[in-house]
Amino acid sequence: MHGRKQKWIYIYTLLAVVVFGSAVSCGTEDNVPTETATDSTEGLLAENLVSSGSFEGDTGHTVEGSAELFFNSETNTYSLVLDEFTSDNGPRLNVYLATNSSASSFTDLGPLTSTNGTLRYDFPASQFNPARDNVLIWCVQFGINFGTAALTAN
């Protein structure tokens, strides 16, 4: 009887280590590149600036810089520029335009391409929703917000 009990304790301990370890581990292979981004802002005119805001960190993370949203009527596209941007690193960080900082309604603009520099995300006007006036750096893997820039009209 004693051997059987030890066997179950061993199995439960091993199972707990595997489950807890996989839930907590963040392999660096999922992290965002840290090289400084220098995406082009060519063609973005000041008179086409729709809204802008400054980042503030969330959930204990540091995110800084500005977010600027431009509209190009000739191409019917929006461009979101993250300027002088820095962010803590993490697994599967994406850029969202959302209605609030908890991403209850959002447009996913794609993966964060770098944790610092100037980053540009272009998207068609058909994806634009004026109610989504918050730019989030969202950790998809853990469902948490690293930082928000609340956009205000210019």
N, C-alpha and C. Protein backbone atom coordinates (compact mmCIF):
# COMPACT_ATOMS: atom_id res chain seq x y z
N MET A 1 0.82 -1.20 0.00
CA MET A 1 0.00 0.00 0.00
C MET A 1 0.86 1.25 0.00
N HIS A 2 1.94 1.23 0.79
CA HIS A 2 2.82 2.38 0.89
C HIS A 2 3.46 2.69 -0.47
N GLY A 3 3.86 1.70 -1.24
CA GLY A 3 4.47 1.88 -2.56
C GLY A 3 3.50 2.49 -3.56
N ARG A 4 2.24 2.09 -3.47
CA ARG A 4 1.23 2.62 -4.36
C ARG A 4 0.99 4.11 -4.09
N LYS A 5 0.98 4.50 -2.81
CA LYS A 5 0.78 5.89 -2.43
C LYS A 5 1.95 6.75 -2.94
N GLN A 6 3.17 6.24 -2.80
CA GLN A 6 4.34 6.98 -3.29
C GLN A 6 4.28 7.15 -4.81
N LYS A 7 3.79 6.10 -5.49
CA LYS A 7 3.68 6.17 -6.94
C LYS A 7 2.73 7.30 -7.35
N TRP A 8 1.57 7.41 -6.67
CA TRP A 8 0.60 8.45 -6.98
C TRP A 8 1.14 9.83 -6.63
N ILE A 9 1.84 9.95 -5.53
CA ILE A 9 2.44 11.24 -5.17
C ILE A 9 3.44 11.65 -6.25
N TYR A 10 4.24 10.70 -6.71
CA TYR A 10 5.21 10.98 -7.76
C TYR A 10 4.50 11.43 -9.05
N ILE A 11 3.44 10.74 -9.43
CA ILE A 11 2.71 11.07 -10.65
C ILE A 11 2.08 12.46 -10.55
N TYR A 12 1.44 12.75 -9.40
CA TYR A 12 0.83 14.07 -9.22
C TYR A 12 1.87 15.19 -9.20
N THR A 13 3.00 14.94 -8.58
CA THR A 13 4.08 15.93 -8.55
C THR A 13 4.61 16.19 -9.96
N LEU A 14 4.85 15.12 -10.71
CA LEU A 14 5.34 15.26 -12.08
C LEU A 14 4.33 16.00 -12.95
N LEU A 15 3.06 15.67 -12.81
CA LEU A 15 2.01 16.34 -13.56
C LEU A 15 1.95 17.82 -13.21
N ALA A 16 2.06 18.17 -11.94
CA ALA A 16 2.03 19.57 -11.51
C ALA A 16 3.20 20.34 -12.09
N VAL A 17 4.38 19.74 -12.11
CA VAL A 17 5.57 20.40 -12.66
C VAL A 17 5.39 20.64 -14.15
N VAL A 18 4.88 19.65 -14.88
CA VAL A 18 4.70 19.80 -16.32
C VAL A 18 3.65 20.87 -16.62
N VAL A 19 2.50 20.83 -15.95
CA VAL A 19 1.42 21.78 -16.21
C VAL A 19 1.84 23.19 -15.80
N PHE A 20 2.38 23.35 -14.59
CA PHE A 20 2.79 24.67 -14.11
C PHE A 20 3.93 25.21 -14.95
N GLY A 21 4.89 24.39 -15.27
CA GLY A 21 6.04 24.82 -16.06
C GLY A 21 5.66 25.29 -17.44
N SER A 22 4.73 24.60 -18.09
CA SER A 22 4.33 25.03 -19.44
C SER A 22 3.48 26.28 -19.39
N ALA A 23 2.72 26.48 -18.32
CA ALA A 23 1.88 27.67 -18.21
C ALA A 23 2.71 28.92 -17.93
N VAL A 24 3.81 28.77 -17.21
CA VAL A 24 4.60 29.91 -16.79
C VAL A 24 5.74 30.22 -17.73
N SER A 25 6.28 29.21 -18.41
CA SER A 25 7.47 29.44 -19.21
C SER A 25 7.18 30.32 -20.40
N CYS A 26 8.10 31.22 -20.65
CA CYS A 26 8.03 32.09 -21.81
C CYS A 26 9.34 31.92 -22.54
N GLY A 27 9.36 31.05 -23.50
CA GLY A 27 10.58 30.84 -24.24
C GLY A 27 10.98 32.08 -25.01
N THR A 28 12.26 32.35 -25.10
CA THR A 28 12.72 33.54 -25.80
C THR A 28 12.45 33.45 -27.29
N GLU A 29 12.16 32.24 -27.79
CA GLU A 29 11.86 32.11 -29.21
C GLU A 29 10.57 32.82 -29.59
N ASP A 30 9.71 33.10 -28.61
CA ASP A 30 8.46 33.81 -28.87
C ASP A 30 8.57 35.31 -28.65
N ASN A 31 9.70 35.78 -28.14
CA ASN A 31 9.85 37.20 -27.85
C ASN A 31 9.99 38.03 -29.12
N VAL A 32 9.74 39.30 -28.98
CA VAL A 32 9.79 40.26 -30.08
C VAL A 32 11.25 40.65 -30.33
N PRO A 33 11.63 40.87 -31.59
CA PRO A 33 13.00 41.33 -31.86
C PRO A 33 13.28 42.65 -31.13
N THR A 34 14.53 42.82 -30.70
CA THR A 34 14.90 44.02 -29.95
C THR A 34 15.72 45.02 -30.76
N GLU A 35 16.03 44.68 -32.03
CA GLU A 35 16.77 45.63 -32.86
C GLU A 35 15.91 46.87 -33.07
N THR A 36 16.55 48.02 -33.10
CA THR A 36 15.83 49.28 -33.28
C THR A 36 15.18 49.33 -34.65
N ALA A 37 13.87 49.55 -34.66
CA ALA A 37 13.11 49.64 -35.92
C ALA A 37 13.23 51.06 -36.47
N THR A 38 13.32 51.13 -37.78
CA THR A 38 13.37 52.44 -38.46
C THR A 38 12.42 52.42 -39.65
N ASP A 39 11.15 52.07 -39.39
CA ASP A 39 10.15 52.04 -40.45
C ASP A 39 10.00 53.44 -41.05
N SER A 40 9.77 53.49 -42.33
CA SER A 40 9.64 54.76 -43.05
C SER A 40 8.33 55.45 -42.70
N THR A 41 8.41 56.76 -42.54
CA THR A 41 7.20 57.57 -42.38
C THR A 41 7.01 58.46 -43.62
N GLU A 42 7.71 58.10 -44.69
CA GLU A 42 7.60 58.84 -45.94
C GLU A 42 6.16 58.84 -46.44
N GLY A 43 5.72 59.98 -46.89
CA GLY A 43 4.37 60.10 -47.44
C GLY A 43 3.31 60.42 -46.40
N LEU A 44 3.67 60.42 -45.12
CA LEU A 44 2.70 60.76 -44.08
C LEU A 44 2.79 62.26 -43.80
N LEU A 45 1.75 62.97 -44.15
CA LEU A 45 1.73 64.42 -44.04
C LEU A 45 1.04 64.86 -42.76
N ALA A 46 1.54 65.92 -42.16
CA ALA A 46 0.98 66.43 -40.91
C ALA A 46 -0.51 66.74 -41.05
N GLU A 47 -0.92 67.22 -42.21
CA GLU A 47 -2.35 67.56 -42.38
C GLU A 47 -3.24 66.31 -42.45
N ASN A 48 -2.63 65.14 -42.59
CA ASN A 48 -3.38 63.89 -42.62
C ASN A 48 -3.41 63.19 -41.26
N LEU A 49 -2.86 63.86 -40.23
CA LEU A 49 -2.86 63.29 -38.89
C LEU A 49 -4.27 63.34 -38.33
N VAL A 50 -4.82 62.18 -38.00
CA VAL A 50 -6.19 62.06 -37.50
C VAL A 50 -6.23 62.17 -35.99
N SER A 51 -5.33 61.44 -35.32
CA SER A 51 -5.32 61.42 -33.86
C SER A 51 -3.95 60.97 -33.37
N SER A 52 -3.70 61.26 -32.08
CA SER A 52 -2.42 60.87 -31.50
C SER A 52 -2.57 60.71 -29.99
N GLY A 53 -1.58 60.05 -29.40
CA GLY A 53 -1.56 59.85 -27.96
C GLY A 53 -0.21 59.34 -27.51
N SER A 54 -0.02 59.31 -26.19
CA SER A 54 1.22 58.84 -25.60
C SER A 54 0.98 57.54 -24.84
N PHE A 55 1.96 56.65 -24.92
CA PHE A 55 1.84 55.35 -24.25
C PHE A 55 2.07 55.47 -22.75
N GLU A 56 1.33 54.64 -22.02
CA GLU A 56 1.53 54.43 -20.59
C GLU A 56 1.54 52.93 -20.36
N GLY A 57 2.47 52.47 -19.53
CA GLY A 57 2.56 51.05 -19.23
C GLY A 57 1.37 50.56 -18.42
N ASP A 58 1.16 49.25 -18.46
CA ASP A 58 0.05 48.62 -17.75
C ASP A 58 0.53 47.29 -17.19
N THR A 59 -0.15 46.77 -16.22
CA THR A 59 0.15 45.47 -15.59
C THR A 59 1.63 45.32 -15.23
N GLY A 60 2.24 46.41 -14.75
CA GLY A 60 3.63 46.37 -14.31
C GLY A 60 4.65 46.41 -15.43
N HIS A 61 4.23 46.69 -16.64
CA HIS A 61 5.14 46.75 -17.78
C HIS A 61 5.42 48.19 -18.16
N THR A 62 6.58 48.40 -18.78
CA THR A 62 6.95 49.73 -19.25
C THR A 62 6.77 49.81 -20.76
N VAL A 63 5.96 50.76 -21.20
CA VAL A 63 5.77 51.06 -22.61
C VAL A 63 5.76 52.58 -22.72
N GLU A 64 6.60 53.12 -23.60
CA GLU A 64 6.71 54.57 -23.76
C GLU A 64 6.75 54.94 -25.24
N GLY A 65 6.51 56.21 -25.50
CA GLY A 65 6.54 56.72 -26.87
C GLY A 65 5.18 57.26 -27.26
N SER A 66 5.05 57.58 -28.55
CA SER A 66 3.79 58.14 -29.03
C SER A 66 3.19 57.25 -30.11
N ALA A 67 1.88 57.41 -30.29
CA ALA A 67 1.15 56.74 -31.37
C ALA A 67 0.46 57.82 -32.17
N GLU A 68 0.62 57.75 -33.49
CA GLU A 68 -0.01 58.72 -34.38
C GLU A 68 -0.74 57.98 -35.49
N LEU A 69 -1.99 58.36 -35.71
CA LEU A 69 -2.82 57.73 -36.73
C LEU A 69 -3.03 58.71 -37.89
N PHE A 70 -2.64 58.29 -39.09
CA PHE A 70 -2.75 59.10 -40.30
C PHE A 70 -3.75 58.45 -41.25
N PHE A 71 -4.43 59.29 -42.07
CA PHE A 71 -5.31 58.78 -43.11
C PHE A 71 -4.85 59.32 -44.45
N ASN A 72 -4.71 58.42 -45.43
CA ASN A 72 -4.34 58.80 -46.79
C ASN A 72 -5.57 58.60 -47.67
N SER A 73 -6.19 59.70 -48.09
CA SER A 73 -7.42 59.62 -48.88
C SER A 73 -7.16 59.09 -50.30
N GLU A 74 -5.94 59.27 -50.81
CA GLU A 74 -5.62 58.78 -52.16
C GLU A 74 -5.61 57.26 -52.22
N THR A 75 -5.10 56.63 -51.16
CA THR A 75 -5.01 55.16 -51.14
C THR A 75 -6.10 54.54 -50.27
N ASN A 76 -6.88 55.39 -49.58
CA ASN A 76 -7.93 54.92 -48.68
C ASN A 76 -7.38 53.97 -47.62
N THR A 77 -6.23 54.37 -47.04
CA THR A 77 -5.58 53.56 -46.00
C THR A 77 -5.23 54.42 -44.79
N TYR A 78 -5.14 53.76 -43.68
CA TYR A 78 -4.66 54.37 -42.44
C TYR A 78 -3.25 53.86 -42.17
N SER A 79 -2.47 54.70 -41.50
CA SER A 79 -1.14 54.32 -41.05
C SER A 79 -1.02 54.67 -39.58
N LEU A 80 -0.68 53.68 -38.77
CA LEU A 80 -0.42 53.91 -37.36
C LEU A 80 1.09 53.91 -37.19
N VAL A 81 1.63 54.99 -36.63
CA VAL A 81 3.07 55.11 -36.40
C VAL A 81 3.32 55.15 -34.90
N LEU A 82 4.17 54.25 -34.43
CA LEU A 82 4.65 54.28 -33.06
C LEU A 82 6.03 54.92 -33.11
N ASP A 83 6.17 56.10 -32.49
CA ASP A 83 7.40 56.88 -32.62
C ASP A 83 8.10 56.99 -31.26
N GLU A 84 9.45 56.97 -31.32
CA GLU A 84 10.26 56.98 -30.11
C GLU A 84 9.72 55.93 -29.14
N PHE A 85 9.40 54.79 -29.69
CA PHE A 85 8.70 53.72 -28.98
C PHE A 85 9.69 52.80 -28.26
N THR A 86 9.35 52.43 -27.03
CA THR A 86 10.05 51.38 -26.30
C THR A 86 9.02 50.58 -25.51
N SER A 87 9.28 49.27 -25.42
CA SER A 87 8.38 48.40 -24.68
C SER A 87 9.16 47.27 -24.03
N ASP A 88 8.69 46.84 -22.87
CA ASP A 88 9.21 45.59 -22.31
C ASP A 88 8.98 44.50 -23.35
N ASN A 89 9.82 43.49 -23.32
CA ASN A 89 9.66 42.38 -24.24
C ASN A 89 8.74 41.33 -23.65
N GLY A 90 8.23 40.49 -24.49
CA GLY A 90 7.36 39.42 -24.04
C GLY A 90 7.00 38.53 -25.22
N PRO A 91 6.34 37.43 -24.94
CA PRO A 91 5.95 36.51 -26.01
C PRO A 91 4.69 36.98 -26.72
N ARG A 92 4.70 36.87 -28.04
CA ARG A 92 3.54 37.16 -28.89
C ARG A 92 2.87 38.49 -28.55
N LEU A 93 3.62 39.57 -28.67
CA LEU A 93 3.06 40.90 -28.48
C LEU A 93 2.49 41.39 -29.81
N ASN A 94 1.25 41.84 -29.79
CA ASN A 94 0.59 42.36 -30.98
C ASN A 94 0.15 43.79 -30.74
N VAL A 95 -0.11 44.50 -31.83
CA VAL A 95 -0.61 45.87 -31.77
C VAL A 95 -2.10 45.83 -32.07
N TYR A 96 -2.89 46.35 -31.13
CA TYR A 96 -4.34 46.38 -31.27
C TYR A 96 -4.82 47.82 -31.30
N LEU A 97 -5.86 48.08 -32.08
CA LEU A 97 -6.68 49.28 -31.92
C LEU A 97 -7.93 48.78 -31.21
N ALA A 98 -8.21 49.32 -30.03
CA ALA A 98 -9.28 48.77 -29.19
C ALA A 98 -10.16 49.86 -28.60
N THR A 99 -11.34 49.44 -28.15
CA THR A 99 -12.27 50.37 -27.52
C THR A 99 -11.86 50.72 -26.10
N ASN A 100 -11.07 49.83 -25.46
CA ASN A 100 -10.62 50.08 -24.09
C ASN A 100 -9.34 49.29 -23.83
N SER A 101 -8.75 49.48 -22.66
CA SER A 101 -7.46 48.85 -22.36
C SER A 101 -7.56 47.35 -22.08
N SER A 102 -8.78 46.82 -21.98
CA SER A 102 -8.93 45.38 -21.77
C SER A 102 -9.26 44.63 -23.06
N ALA A 103 -9.20 45.32 -24.18
CA ALA A 103 -9.37 44.72 -25.52
C ALA A 103 -10.67 43.94 -25.68
N SER A 104 -11.77 44.52 -25.17
CA SER A 104 -13.04 43.83 -25.32
C SER A 104 -13.54 43.87 -26.76
N SER A 105 -13.12 44.88 -27.53
CA SER A 105 -13.43 44.97 -28.95
C SER A 105 -12.20 45.59 -29.61
N PHE A 106 -11.62 44.89 -30.60
CA PHE A 106 -10.35 45.37 -31.14
C PHE A 106 -10.14 44.96 -32.59
N THR A 107 -9.20 45.65 -33.23
CA THR A 107 -8.67 45.28 -34.54
C THR A 107 -7.21 44.93 -34.32
N ASP A 108 -6.81 43.74 -34.71
CA ASP A 108 -5.43 43.29 -34.56
C ASP A 108 -4.63 43.75 -35.77
N LEU A 109 -3.66 44.63 -35.56
CA LEU A 109 -2.83 45.13 -36.65
C LEU A 109 -1.61 44.25 -36.91
N GLY A 110 -1.43 43.23 -36.08
CA GLY A 110 -0.34 42.30 -36.31
C GLY A 110 0.69 42.32 -35.20
N PRO A 111 1.72 41.49 -35.36
CA PRO A 111 2.77 41.38 -34.34
C PRO A 111 3.57 42.67 -34.19
N LEU A 112 3.96 42.94 -32.96
CA LEU A 112 4.90 44.04 -32.69
C LEU A 112 6.21 43.64 -33.36
N THR A 113 6.74 44.49 -34.23
CA THR A 113 7.92 44.12 -35.03
C THR A 113 9.23 44.40 -34.33
N SER A 114 9.21 45.24 -33.29
CA SER A 114 10.41 45.53 -32.51
C SER A 114 9.98 46.15 -31.19
N THR A 115 10.84 46.04 -30.19
CA THR A 115 10.53 46.63 -28.89
C THR A 115 10.99 48.08 -28.79
N ASN A 116 11.58 48.62 -29.88
CA ASN A 116 11.98 50.03 -29.83
C ASN A 116 12.18 50.59 -31.23
N GLY A 117 12.05 51.92 -31.31
CA GLY A 117 12.27 52.60 -32.58
C GLY A 117 11.01 53.23 -33.12
N THR A 118 10.96 53.32 -34.45
CA THR A 118 9.80 53.84 -35.17
C THR A 118 9.17 52.69 -35.93
N LEU A 119 7.91 52.40 -35.62
CA LEU A 119 7.20 51.28 -36.22
C LEU A 119 5.98 51.81 -36.96
N ARG A 120 5.68 51.21 -38.10
CA ARG A 120 4.53 51.66 -38.91
C ARG A 120 3.66 50.46 -39.27
N TYR A 121 2.35 50.65 -39.10
CA TYR A 121 1.35 49.63 -39.43
C TYR A 121 0.32 50.27 -40.35
N ASP A 122 0.25 49.80 -41.59
CA ASP A 122 -0.72 50.28 -42.57
C ASP A 122 -1.90 49.31 -42.62
N PHE A 123 -3.11 49.85 -42.77
CA PHE A 123 -4.28 49.00 -42.87
C PHE A 123 -5.37 49.71 -43.66
N PRO A 124 -6.24 48.95 -44.34
CA PRO A 124 -7.28 49.55 -45.17
C PRO A 124 -8.34 50.27 -44.32
N ALA A 125 -8.94 51.29 -44.92
CA ALA A 125 -9.97 52.05 -44.23
C ALA A 125 -11.14 51.17 -43.79
N SER A 126 -11.37 50.08 -44.49
CA SER A 126 -12.47 49.17 -44.13
C SER A 126 -12.26 48.53 -42.76
N GLN A 127 -11.03 48.52 -42.25
CA GLN A 127 -10.75 47.97 -40.91
C GLN A 127 -10.83 49.03 -39.81
N PHE A 128 -11.01 50.29 -40.20
CA PHE A 128 -11.03 51.37 -39.22
C PHE A 128 -12.39 51.45 -38.54
N ASN A 129 -12.35 51.61 -37.21
CA ASN A 129 -13.55 51.81 -36.41
C ASN A 129 -13.24 52.95 -35.45
N PRO A 130 -13.91 54.10 -35.59
CA PRO A 130 -13.57 55.26 -34.75
C PRO A 130 -13.74 55.02 -33.25
N ALA A 131 -14.53 54.03 -32.88
CA ALA A 131 -14.70 53.72 -31.45
C ALA A 131 -13.46 53.04 -30.87
N ARG A 132 -12.62 52.51 -31.74
CA ARG A 132 -11.38 51.85 -31.28
C ARG A 132 -10.27 52.89 -31.27
N ASP A 133 -10.28 53.70 -30.21
CA ASP A 133 -9.37 54.83 -30.11
C ASP A 133 -8.27 54.64 -29.07
N ASN A 134 -7.93 53.38 -28.82
CA ASN A 134 -6.82 53.05 -27.93
C ASN A 134 -5.87 52.11 -28.65
N VAL A 135 -4.58 52.45 -28.62
CA VAL A 135 -3.57 51.56 -29.19
C VAL A 135 -3.02 50.74 -28.03
N LEU A 136 -3.09 49.42 -28.17
CA LEU A 136 -2.61 48.53 -27.12
C LEU A 136 -1.41 47.72 -27.60
N ILE A 137 -0.50 47.45 -26.70
CA ILE A 137 0.54 46.46 -26.92
C ILE A 137 0.07 45.26 -26.10
N TRP A 138 -0.45 44.27 -26.79
CA TRP A 138 -1.19 43.17 -26.16
C TRP A 138 -0.41 41.87 -26.22
N CYS A 139 -0.26 41.22 -25.07
CA CYS A 139 0.37 39.90 -25.00
C CYS A 139 -0.70 38.85 -25.28
N VAL A 140 -0.67 38.32 -26.50
CA VAL A 140 -1.68 37.35 -26.92
C VAL A 140 -1.59 36.09 -26.08
N GLN A 141 -0.38 35.65 -25.79
CA GLN A 141 -0.17 34.39 -25.07
C GLN A 141 -0.83 34.40 -23.69
N PHE A 142 -0.75 35.53 -22.99
CA PHE A 142 -1.29 35.59 -21.63
C PHE A 142 -2.52 36.47 -21.49
N GLY A 143 -2.95 37.12 -22.58
CA GLY A 143 -4.15 37.94 -22.55
C GLY A 143 -4.04 39.15 -21.65
N ILE A 144 -2.86 39.82 -21.68
CA ILE A 144 -2.69 41.01 -20.84
C ILE A 144 -2.18 42.18 -21.68
N ASN A 145 -2.50 43.37 -21.20
CA ASN A 145 -2.09 44.60 -21.85
C ASN A 145 -0.76 45.05 -21.28
N PHE A 146 0.23 45.27 -22.15
CA PHE A 146 1.51 45.81 -21.70
C PHE A 146 1.46 47.32 -21.61
N GLY A 147 0.68 47.98 -22.47
CA GLY A 147 0.60 49.43 -22.44
C GLY A 147 -0.44 49.96 -23.40
N THR A 148 -0.91 51.20 -23.12
CA THR A 148 -1.98 51.83 -23.90
C THR A 148 -1.60 53.25 -24.28
N ALA A 149 -1.95 53.63 -25.50
CA ALA A 149 -1.92 55.04 -25.91
C ALA A 149 -3.36 55.40 -26.28
N ALA A 150 -3.97 56.26 -25.48
CA ALA A 150 -5.34 56.73 -25.78
C ALA A 150 -5.24 57.82 -26.84
N LEU A 151 -5.87 57.59 -27.98
CA LEU A 151 -5.80 58.53 -29.10
C LEU A 151 -6.85 59.64 -28.93
N THR A 152 -6.42 60.87 -29.18
CA THR A 152 -7.36 62.00 -29.19
C THR A 152 -7.24 62.69 -30.55
N ALA A 153 -8.37 63.21 -31.02
CA ALA A 153 -8.42 63.84 -32.34
C ALA A 153 -7.52 65.06 -32.40
N ASN A 154 -6.89 65.24 -33.55
CA ASN A 154 -6.03 66.42 -33.76
C ASN A 154 -6.73 67.44 -34.61
